[in-house]
């Protein structure tokens, strides 16, 4: 197209007219004299504008999405990392609170028994034939072989191997474990032996058994046991709670009596434990045992008449002295021999 002088003049005039119309319409507002012309323009060009927007908008959105995709991906990755970090903080905070509570209970138990301990955490469990766990403390912390390991609830086992920063513990549930034990109250002694992994099965299985040396000594279900203590306090110190008698077998041949023990320690959820690095100055005996649960007092049942069962409801009607006819006539009551006849 040739850029002639006339074309430039026409375009200039159209621009001036357009500016004048825009100014007049803007100043007039709702009462603008060009309101009708504006409506005609909207009616004519509105459909064209809508069609153009319907065609152009998806293309623009697609181009925006393509150009913004790397930024959106980075924002999504950043938000995911932030959420993961928050989840880990919440999980860590919950575990820290749980371990702090376990450690507080552990210190209380050790204090009652007079044990000097080194707190530790279980970091792995043995996968072989032995029931073992590994602790995160070793010789650098004063841990040595044949030291007692306990939890806040009771006996865990004994240290068998020690490294600079770790220690292996043979659990009291292992089949090779034997612990000298003593019953509360009667103070009868015996041996607690582990039954291995089979003792954690269902059907009322228990991971320990107790053989009472005196077959005639009294023993009852619900009675509790503590460690008897070893010579030189190694590998077991005295007074550590072991568990409770759950079932008693009849003696075979009159030599020993065997009971099955439910341990106080939950061996399948071990976390915070302690290695006893120094024994107590005196045997704590039963002082470390948890308090016994209160036994409920039986409430007397009542008969339909409202009288408690076992209480007298009145004199028996069979006695002659209680018969109204006898009291009225004044006849003597029968003697013992007469009643016998």
Protein backbone atom coordinates (compact mmCIF):
# COMPACT_ATOMS: atom_id res chain seq x y z
CA UNK A 1 0.00 0.00 0.00
CA UNK A 2 1.27 3.44 -0.93
CA UNK A 3 1.59 5.84 1.96
CA UNK A 4 0.01 8.90 0.38
CA UNK A 5 -0.58 12.26 1.93
CA UNK A 6 -4.36 11.77 1.70
CA UNK A 7 -4.18 8.50 3.68
CA UNK A 8 -2.24 10.12 6.47
CA UNK A 9 -4.76 13.00 6.64
CA UNK A 10 -7.72 10.58 6.81
CA UNK A 11 -6.12 8.56 9.58
CA UNK A 12 -5.34 11.72 11.56
CA UNK A 13 -8.94 12.95 11.24
CA UNK A 14 -10.30 9.54 12.34
CA UNK A 15 -8.03 9.52 15.37
CA UNK A 16 -9.11 13.02 16.37
CA UNK A 17 -12.79 12.12 15.98
CA UNK A 18 -12.31 8.92 17.97
CA UNK A 19 -10.61 10.80 20.80
CA UNK A 20 -13.39 13.38 20.83
CA UNK A 21 -16.08 10.70 20.97
CA UNK A 22 -14.27 8.86 23.81
CA UNK A 23 -13.90 12.11 25.76
CA UNK A 24 -17.54 13.11 25.32
CA UNK A 25 -18.75 9.61 26.24
CA UNK A 26 -16.49 9.44 29.31
CA UNK A 27 -17.56 12.84 30.64
CA UNK A 28 -21.22 12.12 30.03
CA UNK A 29 -21.14 8.90 32.06
CA UNK A 30 -24.59 7.30 32.34
CA UNK A 31 -26.20 10.37 30.67
CA UNK A 32 -23.79 10.39 27.74
CA UNK A 33 -25.39 11.54 24.42
CA UNK A 34 -23.46 8.71 22.74
CA UNK A 35 -25.10 6.01 24.88
CA UNK A 36 -27.20 4.74 21.99
CA UNK A 37 -24.24 4.64 19.64
CA UNK A 38 -22.34 2.69 22.29
CA UNK A 39 -25.14 0.15 22.50
CA UNK A 40 -25.19 -0.26 18.71
CA UNK A 41 -21.44 -0.84 18.72
CA UNK A 42 -21.77 -3.44 21.46
CA UNK A 43 -24.53 -5.23 19.55
CA UNK A 44 -22.51 -5.26 16.34
CA UNK A 45 -19.04 -6.04 17.63
CA UNK A 46 -19.94 -8.06 20.79
CA UNK A 47 -20.48 -11.40 19.00
CA UNK A 48 -17.29 -10.91 17.03
CA UNK A 49 -15.41 -10.23 20.27
CA UNK A 50 -16.85 -13.31 21.96
CA UNK A 51 -15.96 -15.56 19.03
CA UNK A 52 -12.47 -14.15 18.93
CA UNK A 53 -12.06 -14.67 22.70
CA UNK A 54 -13.32 -18.25 22.44
CA UNK A 55 -10.70 -18.99 19.81
CA UNK A 56 -7.82 -17.01 21.23
CA UNK A 57 -8.26 -17.73 24.99
CA UNK A 58 -7.48 -21.52 24.88
CA UNK A 59 -4.43 -20.82 22.78
CA UNK A 60 -3.29 -18.17 25.25
CA UNK A 61 -3.93 -20.46 28.20
CA UNK A 62 -1.96 -23.24 26.52
CA UNK A 63 0.94 -20.92 25.85
CA UNK A 64 0.82 -19.67 29.46
CA UNK A 65 0.77 -23.23 30.76
CA UNK A 66 3.73 -24.19 28.59
CA UNK A 67 5.75 -21.17 29.60
CA UNK A 68 4.80 -21.50 33.33
CA UNK A 69 5.23 -25.31 33.56
CA UNK A 70 8.83 -25.28 34.86
CA UNK A 71 7.95 -22.73 37.52
CA UNK A 72 4.84 -24.64 38.61
CA UNK A 73 6.82 -27.85 38.81
CA UNK A 74 9.44 -26.19 40.97
CA UNK A 75 6.73 -24.80 43.26
CA UNK A 76 5.09 -28.23 43.53
CA UNK A 77 8.45 -29.85 44.38
CA UNK A 78 9.15 -27.17 46.96
CA UNK A 79 5.74 -27.64 48.61
CA UNK A 80 6.20 -31.43 48.65
CA UNK A 81 9.59 -31.09 50.33
CA UNK A 82 8.12 -28.69 52.87
CA UNK A 83 5.26 -31.08 53.66
CA UNK A 84 7.68 -33.97 54.04
CA UNK A 85 9.84 -31.92 56.39
CA UNK A 86 6.79 -31.00 58.50
CA UNK A 87 5.68 -34.64 58.65
CA UNK A 88 9.15 -35.71 59.79
CA UNK A 89 9.16 -33.00 62.45
CA UNK A 90 5.79 -34.15 63.76
CA UNK A 91 6.88 -37.80 63.76
CA UNK A 92 10.18 -36.96 65.43
CA UNK A 93 8.46 -34.82 68.03
CA UNK A 94 6.05 -37.64 68.87
CA UNK A 95 8.89 -40.18 69.13
CA UNK A 96 10.94 -37.81 71.28
CA UNK A 97 8.04 -37.36 73.68
CA UNK A 98 7.46 -41.12 73.85
CA UNK A 99 11.13 -41.85 74.49
CA UNK A 100 11.34 -39.10 77.07
CA UNK A 101 8.41 -40.68 78.94
CA UNK A 102 10.06 -44.13 78.75
CA UNK A 103 13.36 -42.72 80.00
CA UNK A 104 11.61 -40.98 82.89
CA UNK A 105 9.95 -44.26 83.93
CA UNK A 106 13.26 -46.11 83.50
CA UNK A 107 15.08 -43.69 85.80
CA UNK A 108 12.31 -44.10 88.38
CA UNK A 109 12.59 -47.90 88.29
CA UNK A 110 16.39 -47.79 88.56
CA UNK A 111 16.15 -45.34 91.43
CA UNK A 112 13.82 -47.63 93.40
CA UNK A 113 16.26 -50.53 93.02
CA UNK A 114 19.42 -48.50 93.61
CA UNK A 115 20.87 -49.48 90.21
CA UNK A 116 23.45 -47.34 88.43
CA UNK A 117 22.50 -47.45 84.76
CA UNK A 118 23.50 -46.30 81.31
CA UNK A 119 20.46 -45.54 79.17
CA UNK A 120 20.44 -47.00 75.66
CA UNK A 121 18.24 -47.41 72.64
CA UNK A 122 17.55 -50.60 70.71
CA UNK A 123 18.79 -50.05 67.15
CA UNK A 124 18.31 -53.53 65.66
CA UNK A 125 17.06 -57.02 66.40
CA UNK A 126 18.91 -60.26 65.72
CA UNK A 127 17.85 -62.24 62.65
CA UNK A 128 19.58 -65.53 63.53
CA UNK A 129 18.66 -68.39 65.81
CA UNK A 130 19.19 -66.34 68.99
CA UNK A 131 16.78 -63.81 70.46
CA UNK A 132 19.08 -60.78 70.56
CA UNK A 133 18.96 -57.01 70.13
CA UNK A 134 21.70 -54.45 69.54
CA UNK A 135 22.06 -51.29 71.65
CA UNK A 136 23.63 -47.97 70.73
CA UNK A 137 26.06 -48.00 73.69
CA UNK A 138 29.32 -49.90 74.16
CA UNK A 139 32.62 -49.99 75.97
CA UNK A 140 33.04 -46.22 75.61
CA UNK A 141 30.00 -45.85 77.89
CA UNK A 142 31.28 -48.35 80.48
CA UNK A 143 29.29 -51.33 79.18
CA UNK A 144 30.89 -54.76 79.65
CA UNK A 145 29.83 -58.36 78.92
CA UNK A 146 27.57 -60.09 81.45
CA UNK A 147 25.80 -56.94 82.59
CA UNK A 148 22.07 -56.88 83.31
CA UNK A 149 19.80 -55.08 80.85
CA UNK A 150 16.39 -53.88 81.99
CA UNK A 151 13.49 -51.77 80.80
CA UNK A 152 11.18 -49.54 82.81
CA UNK A 153 8.95 -52.59 83.35
CA UNK A 154 11.44 -55.31 84.13
CA UNK A 155 14.19 -57.66 82.97
CA UNK A 156 15.31 -57.61 79.31
CA UNK A 157 18.38 -59.85 79.32
CA UNK A 158 22.18 -59.73 79.62
CA UNK A 159 25.01 -58.26 77.55
CA UNK A 160 26.94 -60.91 75.58
CA UNK A 161 29.16 -58.94 73.18
CA UNK A 162 30.47 -55.38 73.40
CA UNK A 163 32.02 -53.08 70.82
CA UNK A 164 33.23 -49.51 71.20
CA UNK A 165 29.81 -48.02 70.44
CA UNK A 166 27.37 -50.97 70.41
CA UNK A 167 26.44 -53.97 72.53
CA UNK A 168 24.57 -57.22 71.85
CA UNK A 169 21.98 -58.36 74.38
CA UNK A 170 20.72 -61.93 74.74
CA UNK A 171 17.04 -61.61 75.66
CA UNK A 172 15.64 -63.47 78.64
CA UNK A 173 13.21 -65.15 76.24
CA UNK A 174 15.98 -66.99 74.37
CA UNK A 175 15.96 -70.78 74.80
CA UNK A 176 19.52 -70.71 76.16
CA UNK A 177 18.68 -68.11 78.82
CA UNK A 178 18.42 -69.19 82.47
CA UNK A 179 17.79 -66.68 85.25
CA UNK A 180 17.84 -67.43 88.97
CA UNK A 181 14.51 -66.14 90.29
CA UNK A 182 12.54 -65.74 93.48
CA UNK A 183 8.82 -65.66 94.15
CA UNK A 184 7.42 -62.73 96.06
CA UNK A 185 5.97 -63.34 99.54
CA UNK A 186 7.09 -66.98 99.88
CA UNK A 187 10.64 -66.17 98.69
CA UNK A 188 10.91 -69.62 97.12
CA UNK A 189 13.57 -69.83 94.43
CA UNK A 190 13.73 -71.42 91.02
CA UNK A 191 14.94 -70.96 87.45
CA UNK A 192 13.24 -68.87 84.72
CA UNK A 193 14.03 -70.20 81.25
CA UNK A 194 13.22 -68.68 77.87
CA UNK A 195 11.07 -70.50 75.36
CA UNK A 196 12.25 -68.67 72.25
CA UNK A 197 10.10 -67.15 69.53
CA UNK A 198 7.47 -69.86 69.88
CA UNK A 199 6.56 -68.34 73.23
CA UNK A 200 5.20 -65.25 71.45
CA UNK A 201 2.60 -67.21 69.49
CA UNK A 202 -1.13 -67.14 70.06
CA UNK A 203 -3.28 -69.53 71.99
CA UNK A 204 -2.13 -68.37 75.40
CA UNK A 205 1.56 -69.03 74.71
CA UNK A 206 4.04 -67.45 77.13
CA UNK A 207 7.72 -66.72 76.34
CA UNK A 208 9.08 -67.93 79.73
CA UNK A 209 8.70 -70.81 82.14
CA UNK A 210 9.64 -71.09 85.81
CA UNK A 211 10.75 -74.27 87.54
CA UNK A 212 10.32 -74.18 91.31
CA UNK A 213 13.05 -76.13 93.06
CA UNK A 214 10.84 -77.20 95.97
CA UNK A 215 7.95 -79.17 94.53
CA UNK A 216 5.99 -78.84 97.77
CA UNK A 217 6.39 -75.05 98.08
CA UNK A 218 3.21 -73.00 97.59
CA UNK A 219 2.81 -71.22 94.30
CA UNK A 220 -0.27 -69.54 92.86
CA UNK A 221 -1.40 -67.87 89.65
CA UNK A 222 -0.79 -64.13 89.80
CA UNK A 223 2.33 -64.44 91.95
CA UNK A 224 5.24 -62.32 90.71
CA UNK A 225 8.96 -63.02 90.33
CA UNK A 226 12.17 -61.02 90.59
CA UNK A 227 15.78 -61.88 89.81
CA UNK A 228 17.58 -63.71 92.58
CA UNK A 229 20.97 -62.23 91.71
CA UNK A 230 24.15 -63.92 90.52
CA UNK A 231 27.48 -64.54 92.18
CA UNK A 232 29.33 -61.22 92.04
CA UNK A 233 26.14 -59.59 90.68
CA UNK A 234 27.04 -60.78 87.14
CA UNK A 235 25.25 -61.39 84.87
CA UNK A 236 22.12 -60.58 86.87
CA UNK A 237 21.66 -58.11 89.70
CA UNK A 238 18.97 -58.90 92.32
CA UNK A 239 15.46 -57.52 92.55
CA UNK A 240 14.70 -56.83 88.87
CA UNK A 241 11.04 -57.68 88.11
CA UNK A 242 10.62 -60.57 85.68
CA UNK A 243 6.95 -61.38 85.30
CA UNK A 244 3.84 -62.99 86.72
CA UNK A 245 2.73 -66.61 87.03
CA UNK A 246 0.02 -67.23 84.45
CA UNK A 247 -0.35 -71.02 84.53
CA UNK A 248 0.96 -73.86 86.72
CA UNK A 249 1.60 -77.44 85.65
CA UNK A 250 1.31 -80.36 88.03
CA UNK A 251 4.70 -81.72 89.22
CA UNK A 252 6.08 -84.70 87.31
CA UNK A 253 7.65 -87.30 89.57
CA UNK A 254 7.45 -84.98 92.57
CA UNK A 255 10.79 -83.32 91.77
CA UNK A 256 9.88 -79.85 90.44
CA UNK A 257 6.87 -77.71 89.64
CA UNK A 258 6.69 -75.70 86.42
CA UNK A 259 4.84 -72.45 85.88
CA UNK A 260 4.50 -70.35 82.74
CA UNK A 261 5.38 -66.69 83.11
CA UNK A 262 3.96 -63.60 81.45
CA UNK A 263 6.88 -61.12 81.49
CA UNK A 264 6.47 -57.50 82.52
CA UNK A 265 8.66 -56.32 79.63
CA UNK A 266 7.13 -56.27 76.15
CA UNK A 267 9.95 -57.82 74.14
CA UNK A 268 8.31 -57.15 70.77
CA UNK A 269 8.31 -53.36 71.30
CA UNK A 270 11.67 -52.73 72.95
CA UNK A 271 12.97 -49.19 72.50
CA UNK A 272 14.55 -47.40 75.48
CA UNK A 273 16.40 -49.72 77.90
CA UNK A 274 19.20 -49.49 80.46
CA UNK A 275 22.41 -51.40 81.14
CA UNK A 276 23.07 -51.80 84.86
CA UNK A 277 26.74 -50.84 85.17
CA UNK A 278 26.81 -51.01 89.00
CA UNK A 279 24.69 -53.25 91.29
CA UNK A 280 22.70 -51.90 94.26
CA UNK A 281 24.37 -51.65 97.66
CA UNK A 282 21.64 -53.87 99.13
CA UNK A 283 19.19 -56.37 97.66
CA UNK A 284 15.99 -54.39 96.90
CA UNK A 285 13.97 -57.60 97.30
CA UNK A 286 10.42 -56.82 96.12
CA UNK A 287 10.72 -53.02 96.22
CA UNK A 288 10.95 -52.65 92.44
CA UNK A 289 7.85 -54.71 91.70
CA UNK A 290 4.95 -52.65 90.35
CA UNK A 291 2.07 -52.07 92.77
CA UNK A 292 -0.56 -54.77 92.79
CA UNK A 293 -3.89 -53.85 91.22
CA UNK A 294 -6.64 -53.49 93.84
CA UNK A 295 -8.82 -56.58 94.10
CA UNK A 296 -12.53 -55.77 93.72
CA UNK A 297 -14.61 -56.44 96.85
CA UNK A 298 -17.53 -58.78 96.15
CA UNK A 299 -20.93 -57.17 96.54
CA UNK A 300 -23.64 -59.33 98.16
CA UNK A 301 -26.35 -60.47 95.80
CA UNK A 302 -29.94 -59.89 96.84
CA UNK A 303 -32.84 -62.28 96.83
CA UNK A 304 -36.11 -61.35 95.07
CA UNK A 305 -37.51 -60.25 98.43
CA UNK A 306 -34.73 -57.70 98.83
CA UNK A 307 -32.78 -59.57 101.52
CA UNK A 308 -29.04 -60.09 100.80
CA UNK A 309 -28.20 -63.71 100.09
CA UNK A 310 -26.62 -65.42 103.04
CA UNK A 311 -28.47 -63.23 105.59
CA UNK A 312 -31.12 -64.83 107.87
CA UNK A 313 -34.68 -64.10 106.77
CA UNK A 314 -36.23 -65.12 110.09
CA UNK A 315 -36.44 -68.07 112.42
CA UNK A 316 -37.04 -71.48 110.87
CA UNK A 317 -40.70 -72.43 110.88
CA UNK A 318 -39.94 -76.00 111.92
CA UNK A 319 -39.12 -75.15 115.56
CA UNK A 320 -41.97 -76.05 117.94
CA UNK A 321 -41.41 -73.00 120.12
CA UNK A 322 -42.05 -70.74 117.14
CA UNK A 323 -45.43 -72.25 116.27
CA UNK A 324 -48.26 -69.92 117.33
CA UNK A 325 -50.34 -72.89 118.51
CA UNK A 326 -47.58 -74.07 120.86
CA UNK A 327 -47.06 -70.60 122.29
CA UNK A 328 -50.77 -70.18 122.84
CA UNK A 329 -51.29 -73.55 124.51
CA UNK A 330 -48.15 -73.29 126.60
CA UNK A 331 -47.11 -76.84 125.67
CA UNK A 332 -43.42 -77.47 126.34
CA UNK A 333 -41.00 -77.69 123.47
CA UNK A 334 -39.62 -81.16 122.70
CA UNK A 335 -36.37 -82.18 124.37
CA UNK A 336 -33.28 -83.15 122.39
CA UNK A 337 -34.02 -86.84 122.68
CA UNK A 338 -37.60 -86.28 121.56
CA UNK A 339 -36.40 -84.29 118.57
CA UNK A 340 -34.01 -87.10 117.77
CA UNK A 341 -36.76 -89.60 117.84
